[in-house]
Each structure stands twice: as C-alpha cells, then as structure tokens.
C-alpha cells in the first residue's frame, strides 16, 4: 500500500466515525485535558513537603 492509499483509508475511516457519532468536539477534548492537567498538578503539589523556615 502506498502512502496515498494509506492516507485515503485513514480519511475514509475518520469520515465514517464522524457519521456514526464517534467523535468528540474540540471543547470536549480541551475540557478533558484541562481536568487531567489540574489533577496532575494537584498530585505533584501533594508530594512537595511544606517549607519549614
């Protein structure tokens, strides 16, 4: 399979997924990753010992 055929297959698959409702909007993806970043930041902060001065 050459690259052009490979790429066309990927595009066709993506279009079929969209038609079937198997996709997420940019807003949904952004919200999911914002939540992941917040969770990760909170876990990181929990591992930092308090500053004892």
C-alpha atoms as a PDB file:
ATOM      1  CA  UNK A   1       0.000   0.000   0.000  1.00  0.00           C
ATOM      2  CA  UNK A   2       1.438   3.362  -0.944  1.00  0.00           C
ATOM      3  CA  UNK A   3       1.141   6.497   1.132  1.00  0.00           C
ATOM      4  CA  UNK A   4      -1.703   7.982  -0.898  1.00  0.00           C
ATOM      5  CA  UNK A   5      -3.822   4.858  -0.397  1.00  0.00           C
ATOM      6  CA  UNK A   6      -2.888   4.713   3.285  1.00  0.00           C
ATOM      7  CA  UNK A   7      -3.907   8.320   3.802  1.00  0.00           C
ATOM      8  CA  UNK A   8      -7.164   7.901   1.878  1.00  0.00           C
ATOM      9  CA  UNK A   9      -8.047   4.896   4.056  1.00  0.00           C
ATOM     10  CA  UNK A  10      -7.441   6.956   7.220  1.00  0.00           C
ATOM     11  CA  UNK A  11      -9.598   9.806   5.900  1.00  0.00           C
ATOM     12  CA  UNK A  12     -12.394   7.412   4.936  1.00  0.00           C
ATOM     13  CA  UNK A  13     -12.299   5.804   8.383  1.00  0.00           C
ATOM     14  CA  UNK A  14     -12.448   9.191  10.091  1.00  0.00           C
ATOM     15  CA  UNK A  15     -15.423  10.247   7.983  1.00  0.00           C
ATOM     16  CA  UNK A  16     -17.268   7.037   8.853  1.00  0.00           C
ATOM     17  CA  UNK A  17     -16.595   7.606  12.558  1.00  0.00           C
ATOM     18  CA  UNK A  18     -17.986  11.128  12.319  1.00  0.00           C
ATOM     19  CA  UNK A  19     -21.103   9.864  10.543  1.00  0.00           C
ATOM     20  CA  UNK A  20     -21.559   7.264  13.304  1.00  0.00           C
ATOM     21  CA  UNK A  21     -21.220   9.927  16.018  1.00  0.00           C
ATOM     22  CA  UNK A  22     -17.906   8.555  17.245  1.00  0.00           C
ATOM     23  CA  UNK A  23     -16.071  11.793  17.815  1.00  0.00           C
ATOM     24  CA  UNK A  24     -15.513  14.498  20.419  1.00  0.00           C
ATOM     25  CA  UNK A  25     -15.562  18.224  19.858  1.00  0.00           C
ATOM     26  CA  UNK A  26     -12.527  20.397  20.402  1.00  0.00           C
ATOM     27  CA  UNK A  27     -14.258  21.801  23.509  1.00  0.00           C
ATOM     28  CA  UNK A  28     -14.740  18.296  24.940  1.00  0.00           C
ATOM     29  CA  UNK A  29     -11.101  17.362  24.358  1.00  0.00           C
ATOM     30  CA  UNK A  30      -9.868  20.672  25.804  1.00  0.00           C
ATOM     31  CA  UNK A  31     -12.011  20.227  28.927  1.00  0.00           C
ATOM     32  CA  UNK A  32     -10.789  16.660  29.428  1.00  0.00           C
ATOM     33  CA  UNK A  33      -7.129  17.650  29.205  1.00  0.00           C
ATOM     34  CA  UNK A  34      -7.646  20.691  31.434  1.00  0.00           C
ATOM     35  CA  UNK A  35      -9.056  18.340  34.078  1.00  0.00           C
ATOM     36  CA  UNK A  36      -6.091  15.987  33.616  1.00  0.00           C
ATOM     37  CA  UNK A  37      -3.611  18.868  33.981  1.00  0.00           C
ATOM     38  CA  UNK A  38      -5.341  20.045  37.156  1.00  0.00           C
ATOM     39  CA  UNK A  39      -5.316  16.524  38.614  1.00  0.00           C
ATOM     40  CA  UNK A  40      -1.649  16.092  37.799  1.00  0.00           C
ATOM     41  CA  UNK A  41      -0.749  19.494  39.276  1.00  0.00           C
ATOM     42  CA  UNK A  42      -2.629  18.643  42.460  1.00  0.00           C
ATOM     43  CA  UNK A  43      -0.844  15.292  42.770  1.00  0.00           C
ATOM     44  CA  UNK A  44       2.512  16.991  42.193  1.00  0.00           C
ATOM     45  CA  UNK A  45       1.827  19.665  44.813  1.00  0.00           C
ATOM     46  CA  UNK A  46       0.856  16.964  47.319  1.00  0.00           C
ATOM     47  CA  UNK A  47       4.349  15.456  47.017  1.00  0.00           C
ATOM     48  CA  UNK A  48       6.182  18.684  47.848  1.00  0.00           C
ATOM     49  CA  UNK A  49       6.993  18.916  51.568  1.00  0.00           C
ATOM     50  CA  UNK A  50       5.959  22.119  53.323  1.00  0.00           C
ATOM     51  CA  UNK A  51       8.585  24.861  53.565  1.00  0.00           C
ATOM     52  CA  UNK A  52       9.983  24.888  57.087  1.00  0.00           C
ATOM     53  CA  UNK A  53      11.638  28.186  57.795  1.00  0.00           C
END
